[in-house]
Amino acid sequence: VEPHKRPRSSMSPVIVFDKKNEPLLVVGSPGGSSIIPFVIKTLI
């Protein structure tokens, strides 16, 4: 790890809370550059 370096892959862990502020859904995905589309698909 060094300053000013870019990560090799995206990370997008997501926690969705309900109206009572309780965790409703926790999602994430392995897969390098495919992580974000997989997480979005699951959320939708």
Full PDB file with SEQRES, HELIX, SHEET, SSBOND, CRYST1, ORIGX, SCALE, CONECT and MASTER records, all heavy atoms in Angstrom:
SEQRES   1 A   44  VAL GLU PRO HIS LYS ARG PRO ARG SER SER MET SER PRO          
SEQRES   2 A   44  VAL ILE VAL PHE ASP LYS LYS ASN GLU PRO LEU LEU VAL          
SEQRES   3 A   44  VAL GLY SER PRO GLY GLY SER SER ILE ILE PRO PHE VAL          
SEQRES   4 A   44  ILE LYS THR LEU ILE                                          
HELIX    1 AA1 GLY A   32  SER A   34  5                                   3    
HELIX    2 AA2 ILE A   35  LEU A   43  1                                   9    
SHEET    1 AA1 2 VAL A  14  PHE A  17  0                                        
SHEET    2 AA1 2 PRO A  23  VAL A  27 -1                                        
CRYST1    1.000    1.000    1.000  90.00  90.00  90.00 P 1           1          
ORIGX1      1.000000  0.000000  0.000000        0.00000                         
ORIGX2      0.000000  1.000000  0.000000        0.00000                         
ORIGX3      0.000000  0.000000  1.000000        0.00000                         
SCALE1      1.000000  0.000000  0.000000        0.00000                         
SCALE2      0.000000  1.000000  0.000000        0.00000                         
SCALE3      0.000000  0.000000  1.000000        0.00000                         
ATOM      1  N   VAL A   1       0.846  -1.171   0.000  1.00  0.00           N  
ATOM      2  CA  VAL A   1       0.000   0.000   0.000  1.00  0.00           C  
ATOM      3  C   VAL A   1       0.894   1.237   0.000  1.00  0.00           C  
ATOM      4  O   VAL A   1       1.805   1.343   0.805  1.00  0.00           O  
ATOM      5  CB  VAL A   1      -0.920   0.005   1.216  1.00  0.00           C  
ATOM      6  CG1 VAL A   1      -1.740   1.261   1.270  1.00  0.00           C  
ATOM      7  CG2 VAL A   1      -1.798  -1.231   1.221  1.00  0.00           C  
ATOM      8  N   GLU A   2       0.607   2.128  -0.959  1.00  0.00           N  
ATOM      9  CA  GLU A   2       1.379   3.359  -1.053  1.00  0.00           C  
ATOM     10  C   GLU A   2       0.441   4.522  -1.364  1.00  0.00           C  
ATOM     11  O   GLU A   2      -0.618   4.321  -1.960  1.00  0.00           O  
ATOM     12  CB  GLU A   2       2.410   3.254  -2.170  1.00  0.00           C  
ATOM     13  CG  GLU A   2       3.471   2.204  -1.938  1.00  0.00           C  
ATOM     14  CD  GLU A   2       4.429   2.122  -3.114  1.00  0.00           C  
ATOM     15  OE1 GLU A   2       4.732   3.172  -3.711  1.00  0.00           O  
ATOM     16  OE2 GLU A   2       4.856   1.012  -3.441  1.00  0.00           O  
ATOM     17  N   PRO A   3       0.829   5.725  -0.971  1.00  0.00           N  
ATOM     18  CA  PRO A   3       0.001   6.887  -1.321  1.00  0.00           C  
ATOM     19  C   PRO A   3      -0.102   7.060  -2.831  1.00  0.00           C  
ATOM     20  O   PRO A   3       0.800   6.682  -3.570  1.00  0.00           O  
ATOM     21  CB  PRO A   3       0.756   8.072  -0.699  1.00  0.00           C  
ATOM     22  CG  PRO A   3       1.701   7.484   0.278  1.00  0.00           C  
ATOM     23  CD  PRO A   3       1.992   6.092  -0.181  1.00  0.00           C  
ATOM     24  N   HIS A   4      -1.211   7.633  -3.264  1.00  0.00           N  
ATOM     25  CA  HIS A   4      -1.453   7.987  -4.659  1.00  0.00           C  
ATOM     26  C   HIS A   4      -1.539   6.784  -5.600  1.00  0.00           C  
ATOM     27  O   HIS A   4      -1.337   6.926  -6.798  1.00  0.00           O  
ATOM     28  CB  HIS A   4      -0.401   8.979  -5.164  1.00  0.00           C  
ATOM     29  CG  HIS A   4      -0.234  10.154  -4.272  1.00  0.00           C  
ATOM     30  ND1 HIS A   4      -1.224  11.116  -4.114  1.00  0.00           N  
ATOM     31  CD2 HIS A   4       0.776  10.511  -3.451  1.00  0.00           C  
ATOM     32  CE1 HIS A   4      -0.805  12.021  -3.241  1.00  0.00           C  
ATOM     33  NE2 HIS A   4       0.402  11.680  -2.824  1.00  0.00           N  
ATOM     34  N   LYS A   5      -1.791   5.610  -5.085  1.00  0.00           N  
ATOM     35  CA  LYS A   5      -1.973   4.415  -5.912  1.00  0.00           C  
ATOM     36  C   LYS A   5      -3.462   4.153  -6.086  1.00  0.00           C  
ATOM     37  O   LYS A   5      -4.257   4.444  -5.196  1.00  0.00           O  
ATOM     38  CB  LYS A   5      -1.316   3.184  -5.263  1.00  0.00           C  
ATOM     39  CG  LYS A   5       0.185   3.284  -5.128  1.00  0.00           C  
ATOM     40  CD  LYS A   5       0.829   3.116  -6.460  1.00  0.00           C  
ATOM     41  CE  LYS A   5       2.339   3.128  -6.308  1.00  0.00           C  
ATOM     42  NZ  LYS A   5       3.021   2.830  -7.525  1.00  0.00           N  
ATOM     43  N   ARG A   6      -3.840   3.606  -7.223  1.00  0.00           N  
ATOM     44  CA  ARG A   6      -5.237   3.267  -7.490  1.00  0.00           C  
ATOM     45  C   ARG A   6      -5.470   1.800  -7.140  1.00  0.00           C  
ATOM     46  O   ARG A   6      -4.593   0.962  -7.364  1.00  0.00           O  
ATOM     47  CB  ARG A   6      -5.557   3.488  -8.954  1.00  0.00           C  
ATOM     48  CG  ARG A   6      -5.460   4.960  -9.334  1.00  0.00           C  
ATOM     49  CD  ARG A   6      -5.748   5.168 -10.767  1.00  0.00           C  
ATOM     50  NE  ARG A   6      -7.162   4.888 -11.007  1.00  0.00           N  
ATOM     51  CZ  ARG A   6      -7.735   4.998 -12.172  1.00  0.00           C  
ATOM     52  NH1 ARG A   6      -7.038   5.356 -13.230  1.00  0.00           N  
ATOM     53  NH2 ARG A   6      -9.009   4.742 -12.318  1.00  0.00           N  
ATOM     54  N   PRO A   7      -6.643   1.459  -6.612  1.00  0.00           N  
ATOM     55  CA  PRO A   7      -6.930   0.054  -6.317  1.00  0.00           C  
ATOM     56  C   PRO A   7      -6.991  -0.753  -7.603  1.00  0.00           C  
ATOM     57  O   PRO A   7      -7.335  -0.237  -8.665  1.00  0.00           O  
ATOM     58  CB  PRO A   7      -8.295   0.102  -5.631  1.00  0.00           C  
ATOM     59  CG  PRO A   7      -8.875   1.412  -6.002  1.00  0.00           C  
ATOM     60  CD  PRO A   7      -7.741   2.340  -6.292  1.00  0.00           C  
ATOM     61  N   ARG A   8      -6.679  -2.031  -7.523  1.00  0.00           N  
ATOM     62  CA  ARG A   8      -6.703  -2.905  -8.691  1.00  0.00           C  
ATOM     63  C   ARG A   8      -8.110  -3.336  -9.055  1.00  0.00           C  
ATOM     64  O   ARG A   8      -8.356  -3.797 -10.154  1.00  0.00           O  
ATOM     65  CB  ARG A   8      -5.830  -4.131  -8.433  1.00  0.00           C  
ATOM     66  CG  ARG A   8      -4.372  -3.780  -8.376  1.00  0.00           C  
ATOM     67  CD  ARG A   8      -3.547  -5.011  -8.204  1.00  0.00           C  
ATOM     68  NE  ARG A   8      -3.905  -5.963  -9.243  1.00  0.00           N  
ATOM     69  CZ  ARG A   8      -3.055  -6.651  -9.949  1.00  0.00           C  
ATOM     70  NH1 ARG A   8      -1.782  -6.504  -9.737  1.00  0.00           N  
ATOM     71  NH2 ARG A   8      -3.464  -7.494 -10.860  1.00  0.00           N  
ATOM     72  N   SER A   9      -9.021  -3.258  -8.126  1.00  0.00           N  
ATOM     73  CA  SER A   9     -10.398  -3.637  -8.428  1.00  0.00           C  
ATOM     74  C   SER A   9     -11.360  -2.759  -7.635  1.00  0.00           C  
ATOM     75  O   SER A   9     -10.958  -2.083  -6.694  1.00  0.00           O  
ATOM     76  CB  SER A   9     -10.653  -5.110  -8.104  1.00  0.00           C  
ATOM     77  OG  SER A   9     -10.616  -5.317  -6.724  1.00  0.00           O  
ATOM     78  N   SER A  10     -12.597  -2.794  -8.042  1.00  0.00           N  
ATOM     79  CA  SER A  10     -13.624  -2.037  -7.330  1.00  0.00           C  
ATOM     80  C   SER A  10     -14.125  -2.849  -6.149  1.00  0.00           C  
ATOM     81  O   SER A  10     -14.118  -4.068  -6.182  1.00  0.00           O  
ATOM     82  CB  SER A  10     -14.802  -1.752  -8.260  1.00  0.00           C  
ATOM     83  OG  SER A  10     -14.378  -1.000  -9.359  1.00  0.00           O  
ATOM     84  N   MET A  11     -14.565  -2.164  -5.142  1.00  0.00           N  
ATOM     85  CA  MET A  11     -15.205  -2.819  -4.006  1.00  0.00           C  
ATOM     86  C   MET A  11     -16.493  -2.062  -3.737  1.00  0.00           C  
ATOM     87  O   MET A  11     -16.490  -0.844  -3.723  1.00  0.00           O  
ATOM     88  CB  MET A  11     -14.317  -2.805  -2.775  1.00  0.00           C  
ATOM     89  CG  MET A  11     -13.059  -3.611  -2.932  1.00  0.00           C  
ATOM     90  SD  MET A  11     -12.005  -3.544  -1.487  1.00  0.00           S  
ATOM     91  CE  MET A  11     -13.040  -4.191  -0.227  1.00  0.00           C  
ATOM     92  N   SER A  12     -17.568  -2.791  -3.550  1.00  0.00           N  
ATOM     93  CA  SER A  12     -18.830  -2.083  -3.294  1.00  0.00           C  
ATOM     94  C   SER A  12     -19.700  -2.849  -2.316  1.00  0.00           C  
ATOM     95  O   SER A  12     -20.811  -3.230  -2.646  1.00  0.00           O  
ATOM     96  CB  SER A  12     -19.575  -1.836  -4.604  1.00  0.00           C  
ATOM     97  OG  SER A  12     -19.832  -3.065  -5.251  1.00  0.00           O  
ATOM     98  N   PRO A  13     -19.207  -3.098  -1.098  1.00  0.00           N  
ATOM     99  CA  PRO A  13     -20.107  -3.685  -0.107  1.00  0.00           C  
ATOM    100  C   PRO A  13     -21.231  -2.701   0.191  1.00  0.00           C  
ATOM    101  O   PRO A  13     -21.005  -1.494   0.250  1.00  0.00           O  
ATOM    102  CB  PRO A  13     -19.212  -3.906   1.114  1.00  0.00           C  
ATOM    103  CG  PRO A  13     -18.076  -2.973   0.931  1.00  0.00           C  
ATOM    104  CD  PRO A  13     -17.906  -2.778  -0.551  1.00  0.00           C  
ATOM    105  N   VAL A  14     -22.440  -3.209   0.310  1.00  0.00           N  
ATOM    106  CA  VAL A  14     -23.607  -2.351   0.507  1.00  0.00           C  
ATOM    107  C   VAL A  14     -24.446  -2.892   1.657  1.00  0.00           C  
ATOM    108  O   VAL A  14     -24.711  -4.093   1.722  1.00  0.00           O  
ATOM    109  CB  VAL A  14     -24.475  -2.300  -0.776  1.00  0.00           C  
ATOM    110  CG1 VAL A  14     -25.739  -1.496  -0.540  1.00  0.00           C  
ATOM    111  CG2 VAL A  14     -23.686  -1.724  -1.931  1.00  0.00           C  
ATOM    112  N   ILE A  15     -24.861  -2.014   2.554  1.00  0.00           N  
ATOM    113  CA  ILE A  15     -25.806  -2.363   3.610  1.00  0.00           C  
ATOM    114  C   ILE A  15     -27.050  -1.514   3.385  1.00  0.00           C  
ATOM    115  O   ILE A  15     -26.967  -0.294   3.297  1.00  0.00           O  
ATOM    116  CB  ILE A  15     -25.237  -2.092   5.018  1.00  0.00           C  
ATOM    117  CG1 ILE A  15     -23.931  -2.861   5.226  1.00  0.00           C  
ATOM    118  CG2 ILE A  15     -26.268  -2.469   6.088  1.00  0.00           C  
ATOM    119  CD1 ILE A  15     -23.215  -2.510   6.507  1.00  0.00           C  
ATOM    120  N   VAL A  16     -28.204  -2.170   3.285  1.00  0.00           N  
ATOM    121  CA  VAL A  16     -29.476  -1.478   3.100  1.00  0.00           C  
ATOM    122  C   VAL A  16     -30.220  -1.530   4.429  1.00  0.00           C  
ATOM    123  O   VAL A  16     -30.357  -2.601   5.027  1.00  0.00           O  
ATOM    124  CB  VAL A  16     -30.322  -2.156   1.998  1.00  0.00           C  
ATOM    125  CG1 VAL A  16     -31.664  -1.461   1.840  1.00  0.00           C  
ATOM    126  CG2 VAL A  16     -29.558  -2.162   0.677  1.00  0.00           C  
ATOM    127  N   PHE A  17     -30.710  -0.379   4.872  1.00  0.00           N  
ATOM    128  CA  PHE A  17     -31.441  -0.292   6.139  1.00  0.00           C  
ATOM    129  C   PHE A  17     -32.922  -0.067   5.869  1.00  0.00           C  
ATOM    130  O   PHE A  17     -33.290   0.594   4.902  1.00  0.00           O  
ATOM    131  CB  PHE A  17     -30.896   0.856   6.995  1.00  0.00           C  
ATOM    132  CG  PHE A  17     -29.485   0.631   7.454  1.00  0.00           C  
ATOM    133  CD1 PHE A  17     -28.412   1.064   6.695  1.00  0.00           C  
ATOM    134  CD2 PHE A  17     -29.239  -0.028   8.645  1.00  0.00           C  
ATOM    135  CE1 PHE A  17     -27.106   0.858   7.116  1.00  0.00           C  
ATOM    136  CE2 PHE A  17     -27.937  -0.254   9.080  1.00  0.00           C  
ATOM    137  CZ  PHE A  17     -26.866   0.201   8.310  1.00  0.00           C  
ATOM    138  N   ASP A  18     -33.780  -0.589   6.759  1.00  0.00           N  
ATOM    139  CA  ASP A  18     -35.215  -0.360   6.628  1.00  0.00           C  
ATOM    140  C   ASP A  18     -35.579   0.980   7.289  1.00  0.00           C  
ATOM    141  O   ASP A  18     -34.707   1.722   7.738  1.00  0.00           O  
ATOM    142  CB  ASP A  18     -36.023  -1.524   7.213  1.00  0.00           C  
ATOM    143  CG  ASP A  18     -35.840  -1.707   8.706  1.00  0.00           C  
ATOM    144  OD1 ASP A  18     -35.293  -0.805   9.389  1.00  0.00           O  
ATOM    145  OD2 ASP A  18     -36.258  -2.763   9.222  1.00  0.00           O  
ATOM    146  N   LYS A  19     -36.864   1.271   7.331  1.00  0.00           N  
ATOM    147  CA  LYS A  19     -37.319   2.555   7.884  1.00  0.00           C  
ATOM    148  C   LYS A  19     -37.026   2.709   9.368  1.00  0.00           C  
ATOM    149  O   LYS A  19     -36.982   3.814   9.889  1.00  0.00           O  
ATOM    150  CB  LYS A  19     -38.813   2.730   7.619  1.00  0.00           C  
ATOM    151  CG  LYS A  19     -39.127   2.912   6.154  1.00  0.00           C  
ATOM    152  CD  LYS A  19     -40.603   3.057   5.921  1.00  0.00           C  
ATOM    153  CE  LYS A  19     -40.877   3.198   4.439  1.00  0.00           C  
ATOM    154  NZ  LYS A  19     -42.288   3.375   4.144  1.00  0.00           N  
ATOM    155  N   LYS A  20     -36.823   1.592  10.069  1.00  0.00           N  
ATOM    156  CA  LYS A  20     -36.496   1.641  11.497  1.00  0.00           C  
ATOM    157  C   LYS A  20     -34.985   1.664  11.726  1.00  0.00           C  
ATOM    158  O   LYS A  20     -34.524   1.480  12.834  1.00  0.00           O  
ATOM    159  CB  LYS A  20     -37.113   0.442  12.208  1.00  0.00           C  
ATOM    160  CG  LYS A  20     -38.620   0.435  12.176  1.00  0.00           C  
ATOM    161  CD  LYS A  20     -39.160  -0.793  12.879  1.00  0.00           C  
ATOM    162  CE  LYS A  20     -40.672  -0.825  12.808  1.00  0.00           C  
ATOM    163  NZ  LYS A  20     -41.203  -2.042  13.426  1.00  0.00           N  
ATOM    164  N   ASN A  21     -34.242   1.832  10.646  1.00  0.00           N  
ATOM    165  CA  ASN A  21     -32.784   1.866  10.690  1.00  0.00           C  
ATOM    166  C   ASN A  21     -32.167   0.526  11.083  1.00  0.00           C  
ATOM    167  O   ASN A  21     -31.079   0.479  11.651  1.00  0.00           O  
ATOM    168  CB  ASN A  21     -32.283   2.995  11.588  1.00  0.00           C  
ATOM    169  CG  ASN A  21     -31.111   3.728  10.986  1.00  0.00           C  
ATOM    170  OD1 ASN A  21     -30.850   3.614   9.788  1.00  0.00           O  
ATOM    171  ND2 ASN A  21     -30.413   4.481  11.806  1.00  0.00           N  
ATOM    172  N   GLU A  22     -32.877  -0.555  10.781  1.00  0.00           N  
ATOM    173  CA  GLU A  22     -32.371  -1.906  11.020  1.00  0.00           C  
ATOM    174  C   GLU A  22     -31.816  -2.453   9.713  1.00  0.00           C  
ATOM    175  O   GLU A  22     -32.374  -2.202   8.641  1.00  0.00           O  
ATOM    176  CB  GLU A  22     -33.507  -2.820  11.504  1.00  0.00           C  
ATOM    177  CG  GLU A  22     -34.110  -2.416  12.837  1.00  0.00           C  
ATOM    178  CD  GLU A  22     -33.169  -2.645  13.988  1.00  0.00           C  
ATOM    179  OE1 GLU A  22     -32.402  -3.627  13.955  1.00  0.00           O  
ATOM    180  OE2 GLU A  22     -33.197  -1.833  14.937  1.00  0.00           O  
ATOM    181  N   PRO A  23     -30.725  -3.227   9.758  1.00  0.00           N  
ATOM    182  CA  PRO A  23     -30.189  -3.804   8.521  1.00  0.00           C  
ATOM    183  C   PRO A  23     -31.223  -4.708   7.845  1.00  0.00           C  
ATOM    184  O   PRO A  23     -31.839  -5.557   8.491  1.00  0.00           O  
ATOM    185  CB  PRO A  23     -28.989  -4.615   8.986  1.00  0.00           C  
ATOM    186  CG  PRO A  23     -28.638  -4.068  10.323  1.00  0.00           C  
ATOM    187  CD  PRO A  23     -29.923  -3.568  10.919  1.00  0.00           C  
ATOM    188  N   LEU A  24     -31.430  -4.495   6.576  1.00  0.00           N  
ATOM    189  CA  LEU A  24     -32.392  -5.260   5.794  1.00  0.00           C  
ATOM    190  C   LEU A  24     -31.680  -6.214   4.845  1.00  0.00           C  
ATOM    191  O   LEU A  24     -32.102  -7.341   4.632  1.00  0.00           O  
ATOM    192  CB  LEU A  24     -33.286  -4.296   5.009  1.00  0.00           C  
ATOM    193  CG  LEU A  24     -34.313  -4.886   4.067  1.00  0.00           C  
ATOM    194  CD1 LEU A  24     -35.389  -5.613   4.874  1.00  0.00           C  
ATOM    195  CD2 LEU A  24     -34.935  -3.795   3.216  1.00  0.00           C  
ATOM    196  N   LEU A  25     -30.568  -5.770   4.286  1.00  0.00           N  
ATOM    197  CA  LEU A  25     -29.869  -6.525   3.264  1.00  0.00           C  
ATOM    198  C   LEU A  25     -28.405  -6.123   3.268  1.00  0.00           C  
ATOM    199  O   LEU A  25     -28.083  -4.935   3.360  1.00  0.00           O  
ATOM    200  CB  LEU A  25     -30.493  -6.211   1.899  1.00  0.00           C  
ATOM    201  CG  LEU A  25     -29.959  -6.876   0.654  1.00  0.00           C  
ATOM    202  CD1 LEU A  25     -30.188  -8.382   0.711  1.00  0.00           C  
ATOM    203  CD2 LEU A  25     -30.642  -6.298  -0.580  1.00  0.00           C  
ATOM    204  N   VAL A  26     -27.519  -7.097   3.187  1.00  0.00           N  
ATOM    205  CA  VAL A  26     -26.087  -6.838   3.075  1.00  0.00           C  
ATOM    206  C   VAL A  26     -25.602  -7.611   1.860  1.00  0.00           C  
ATOM    207  O   VAL A  26     -25.798  -8.826   1.776  1.00  0.00           O  
ATOM    208  CB  VAL A  26     -25.321  -7.302   4.334  1.00  0.00           C  
ATOM    209  CG1 VAL A  26     -23.825  -7.062   4.180  1.00  0.00           C  
ATOM    210  CG2 VAL A  26     -25.850  -6.609   5.575  1.00  0.00           C  
ATOM    211  N   VAL A  27     -25.032  -6.918   0.889  1.00  0.00           N  
ATOM    212  CA  VAL A  27     -24.573  -7.586  -0.330  1.00  0.00           C  
ATOM    213  C   VAL A  27     -23.171  -7.121  -0.702  1.00  0.00           C  
ATOM    214  O   VAL A  27     -22.723  -6.050  -0.320  1.00  0.00           O  
ATOM    215  CB  VAL A  27     -25.524  -7.339  -1.525  1.00  0.00           C  
ATOM    216  CG1 VAL A  27     -26.862  -7.953  -1.286  1.00  0.00           C  
ATOM    217  CG2 VAL A  27     -25.659  -5.871  -1.847  1.00  0.00           C  
ATOM    218  N   GLY A  28     -22.513  -7.953  -1.459  1.00  0.00           N  
ATOM    219  CA  GLY A  28     -21.194  -7.682  -2.011  1.00  0.00           C  
ATOM    220  C   GLY A  28     -20.922  -8.776  -3.026  1.00  0.00           C  
ATOM    221  O   GLY A  28     -21.749  -9.668  -3.229  1.00  0.00           O  
ATOM    222  N   SER A  29     -19.780  -8.735  -3.692  1.00  0.00           N  
ATOM    223  CA  SER A  29     -19.499  -9.729  -4.716  1.00  0.00           C  
ATOM    224  C   SER A  29     -18.011  -9.805  -4.992  1.00  0.00           C  
ATOM    225  O   SER A  29     -17.327  -8.788  -4.981  1.00  0.00           O  
ATOM    226  CB  SER A  29     -20.232  -9.361  -6.008  1.00  0.00           C  
ATOM    227  OG  SER A  29     -19.894 -10.249  -7.045  1.00  0.00           O  
ATOM    228  N   PRO A  30     -17.501 -11.018  -5.275  1.00  0.00           N  
ATOM    229  CA  PRO A  30     -16.156 -11.109  -5.836  1.00  0.00           C  
ATOM    230  C   PRO A  30     -16.258 -10.854  -7.335  1.00  0.00           C  
ATOM    231  O   PRO A  30     -17.348 -10.878  -7.891  1.00  0.00           O  
ATOM    232  CB  PRO A  30     -15.766 -12.562  -5.554  1.00  0.00           C  
ATOM    233  CG  PRO A  30     -17.062 -13.285  -5.598  1.00  0.00           C  
ATOM    234  CD  PRO A  30     -18.091 -12.326  -5.033  1.00  0.00           C  
ATOM    235  N   GLY A  31     -15.171 -10.595  -8.000  1.00  0.00           N  
ATOM    236  CA  GLY A  31     -15.243 -10.525  -9.445  1.00  0.00           C  
ATOM    237  C   GLY A  31     -14.576  -9.356 -10.120  1.00  0.00           C  
ATOM    238  O   GLY A  31     -14.883  -9.056 -11.260  1.00  0.00           O  
ATOM    239  N   GLY A  32     -13.667  -8.663  -9.453  1.00  0.00           N  
ATOM    240  CA  GLY A  32     -12.941  -7.584 -10.117  1.00  0.00           C  
ATOM    241  C   GLY A  32     -13.855  -6.511 -10.659  1.00  0.00           C  
ATOM    242  O   GLY A  32     -14.694  -5.978  -9.954  1.00  0.00           O  
ATOM    243  N   SER A  33     -13.727  -6.218 -11.949  1.00  0.00           N  
ATOM    244  CA  SER A  33     -14.510  -5.143 -12.542  1.00  0.00           C  
ATOM    245  C   SER A  33     -15.986  -5.498 -12.697  1.00  0.00           C  
ATOM    246  O   SER A  33     -16.793  -4.653 -13.060  1.00  0.00           O  
ATOM    247  CB  SER A  33     -13.930  -4.757 -13.903  1.00  0.00           C  
ATOM    248  OG  SER A  33     -14.032  -5.838 -14.809  1.00  0.00           O  
ATOM    249  N   SER A  34     -16.357  -6.738 -12.429  1.00  0.00           N  
ATOM    250  CA  SER A  34     -17.764  -7.162 -12.509  1.00  0.00           C  
ATOM    251  C   SER A  34     -18.510  -6.974 -11.189  1.00  0.00           C  
ATOM    252  O   SER A  34     -19.711  -7.206 -11.128  1.00  0.00           O  
ATOM    253  CB  SER A  34     -17.847  -8.631 -12.918  1.00  0.00           C  
ATOM    254  OG  SER A  34     -17.242  -8.823 -14.171  1.00  0.00           O  
ATOM    255  N   ILE A  35     -17.818  -6.574 -10.141  1.00  0.00           N  
ATOM    256  CA  ILE A  35     -18.435  -6.460  -8.818  1.00  0.00           C  
ATOM    257  C   ILE A  35     -19.635  -5.519  -8.837  1.00  0.00           C  
ATOM    258  O   ILE A  35     -20.722  -5.879  -8.394  1.00  0.00           O  
ATOM    259  CB  ILE A  35     -17.416  -5.969  -7.769  1.00  0.00           C  
ATOM    260  CG1 ILE A  35     -16.350  -7.035  -7.539  1.00  0.00           C  
ATOM    261  CG2 ILE A  35     -18.101  -5.618  -6.457  1.00  0.00           C  
ATOM    262  CD1 ILE A  35     -15.181  -6.558  -6.696  1.00  0.00           C  
ATOM    263  N   ILE A  36     -19.465  -4.323  -9.334  1.00  0.00           N  
ATOM    264  CA  ILE A  36     -20.530  -3.328  -9.262  1.00  0.00           C  
ATOM    265  C   ILE A  36     -21.783  -3.777 -10.009  1.00  0.00           C  
ATOM    266  O   ILE A  36     -22.884  -3.710  -9.451  1.00  0.00           O  
ATOM    267  CB  ILE A  36     -20.015  -1.945  -9.711  1.00  0.00           C  
ATOM    268  CG1 ILE A  36     -18.983  -1.450  -8.694  1.00  0.00           C  
ATOM    269  CG2 ILE A  36     -21.156  -0.958  -9.862  1.00  0.00           C  
ATOM    270  CD1 ILE A  36     -18.234  -0.214  -9.120  1.00  0.00           C  
ATOM    271  N   PRO A  37     -21.680  -4.285 -11.252  1.00  0.00           N  
ATOM    272  CA  PRO A  37     -22.913  -4.756 -11.919  1.00  0.00           C  
ATOM    273  C   PRO A  37     -23.608  -5.902 -11.170  1.00  0.00           C  
ATOM    274  O   PRO A  37     -24.836  -5.958 -11.135  1.00  0.00           O  
ATOM    275  CB  PRO A  37     -22.428  -5.217 -13.292  1.00  0.00           C  
ATOM    276  CG  PRO A  37     -21.165  -4.468 -13.528  1.00  0.00           C  
ATOM    277  CD  PRO A  37     -20.551  -4.287 -12.176  1.00  0.00           C  
ATOM    278  N   PHE A  38     -22.853  -6.812 -10.558  1.00  0.00           N  
ATOM    279  CA  PHE A  38     -23.473  -7.910  -9.817  1.00  0.00           C  
ATOM    280  C   PHE A  38     -24.208  -7.387  -8.582  1.00  0.00           C  
ATOM    281  O   PHE A  38     -25.308  -7.830  -8.273  1.00  0.00           O  
ATOM    282  CB  PHE A  38     -22.423  -8.952  -9.396  1.00  0.00           C  
ATOM    283  CG  PHE A  38     -22.169  -9.996 -10.432  1.00  0.00           C  
ATOM    284  CD1 PHE A  38     -21.131  -9.873 -11.332  1.00  0.00           C  
ATOM    285  CD2 PHE A  38     -22.980 -11.118 -10.521  1.00  0.00           C  
ATOM    286  CE1 PHE A  38     -20.889 -10.834 -12.294  1.00  0.00           C  
ATOM    287  CE2 PHE A  38     -22.751 -12.090 -11.477  1.00  0.00           C  
ATOM    288  CZ  PHE A  38     -21.703 -11.949 -12.368  1.00  0.00           C  
ATOM    289  N   VAL A  39     -23.612  -6.441  -7.873  1.00  0.00           N  
ATOM    290  CA  VAL A  39     -24.248  -5.879  -6.684  1.00  0.00           C  
ATOM    291  C   VAL A  39     -25.512  -5.103  -7.073  1.00  0.00           C  
ATOM    292  O   VAL A  39     -26.561  -5.249  -6.441  1.00  0.00           O  
ATOM    293  CB  VAL A  39     -23.257  -4.993  -5.888  1.00  0.00           C  
ATOM    294  CG1 VAL A  39     -23.969  -4.207  -4.804  1.00  0.00           C  
ATOM    295  CG2 VAL A  39     -22.156  -5.862  -5.288  1.00  0.00           C  
ATOM    296  N   ILE A  40     -25.425  -4.310  -8.120  1.00  0.00           N  
ATOM    297  CA  ILE A  40     -26.596  -3.543  -8.571  1.00  0.00           C  
ATOM    298  C   ILE A  40     -27.723  -4.478  -8.988  1.00  0.00           C  
ATOM    299  O   ILE A  40     -28.889  -4.259  -8.654  1.00  0.00           O  
ATOM    300  CB  ILE A  40     -26.210  -2.588  -9.710  1.00  0.00           C  
ATOM    301  CG1 ILE A  40     -25.344  -1.469  -9.155  1.00  0.00           C  
ATOM    302  CG2 ILE A  40     -27.436  -2.029 -10.415  1.00  0.00           C  
ATOM    303  CD1 ILE A  40     -24.725  -0.585 -10.198  1.00  0.00           C  
ATOM    304  N   LYS A  41     -27.390  -5.553  -9.722  1.00  0.00           N  
ATOM    305  CA  LYS A  41     -28.413  -6.526 -10.130  1.00  0.00           C  
ATOM    306  C   LYS A  41     -29.129  -7.089  -8.912  1.00  0.00           C  
ATOM    307  O   LYS A  41     -30.362  -7.170  -8.883  1.00  0.00           O  
ATOM    308  CB  LYS A  41     -27.777  -7.664 -10.926  1.00  0.00           C  
ATOM    309  CG  LYS A  41     -28.779  -8.750 -11.329  1.00  0.00           C  
ATOM    310  CD  LYS A  41     -28.079  -9.986 -11.837  1.00  0.00           C  
ATOM    311  CE  LYS A  41     -28.060 -11.027 -10.747  1.00  0.00           C  
ATOM    312  NZ  LYS A  41     -27.702 -12.362 -11.174  1.00  0.00           N  
ATOM    313  N   THR A  42     -28.385  -7.446  -7.896  1.00  0.00           N  
ATOM    314  CA  THR A  42     -28.979  -8.015  -6.697  1.00  0.00           C  
ATOM    315  C   THR A  42     -29.880  -7.001  -5.995  1.00  0.00           C  
ATOM    316  O   THR A  42     -31.000  -7.326  -5.580  1.00  0.00           O  
ATOM    317  CB  THR A  42     -27.882  -8.519  -5.741  1.00  0.00           C  
ATOM    318  OG1 THR A  42     -27.087  -9.480  -6.431  1.00  0.00           O  
ATOM    319  CG2 THR A  42     -28.478  -9.146  -4.497  1.00  0.00           C  
ATOM    320  N   LEU A  43     -29.418  -5.764  -5.871  1.00  0.00           N  
ATOM    321  CA  LEU A  43     -30.232  -4.730  -5.224  1.00  0.00           C  
ATOM    322  C   LEU A  43     -31.540  -4.496  -5.980  1.00  0.00           C  
ATOM    323  O   LEU A  43     -32.612  -4.435  -5.369  1.00  0.00           O  
ATOM    324  CB  LEU A  43     -29.446  -3.423  -5.117  1.00  0.00           C  
ATOM    325  CG  LEU A  43     -28.262  -3.430  -4.159  1.00  0.00           C  
ATOM    326  CD1 LEU A  43     -27.448  -2.157  -4.312  1.00  0.00           C  
ATOM    327  CD2 LEU A  43     -28.715  -3.633  -2.732  1.00  0.00           C  
ATOM    328  N   ILE A  44     -31.479  -4.375  -7.289  1.00  0.00           N  
ATOM    329  CA  ILE A  44     -32.688  -4.144  -8.087  1.00  0.00           C  
ATOM    330  C   ILE A  44     -33.636  -5.333  -7.989  1.00  0.00           C  
ATOM    331  O   ILE A  44     -34.845  -5.168  -7.785  1.00  0.00           O  
ATOM    332  CB  ILE A  44     -32.323  -3.847  -9.554  1.00  0.00           C  
ATOM    333  CG1 ILE A  44     -31.648  -2.476  -9.646  1.00  0.00           C  
ATOM    334  CG2 ILE A  44     -33.563  -3.907 -10.454  1.00  0.00           C  
ATOM    335  CD1 ILE A  44     -31.025  -2.181 -10.997  1.00  0.00           C  
TER     336      ILE A  44                                                      
MASTER        0    0    0    2    2    0    0    6  335    1    0    4          
END                                                                             
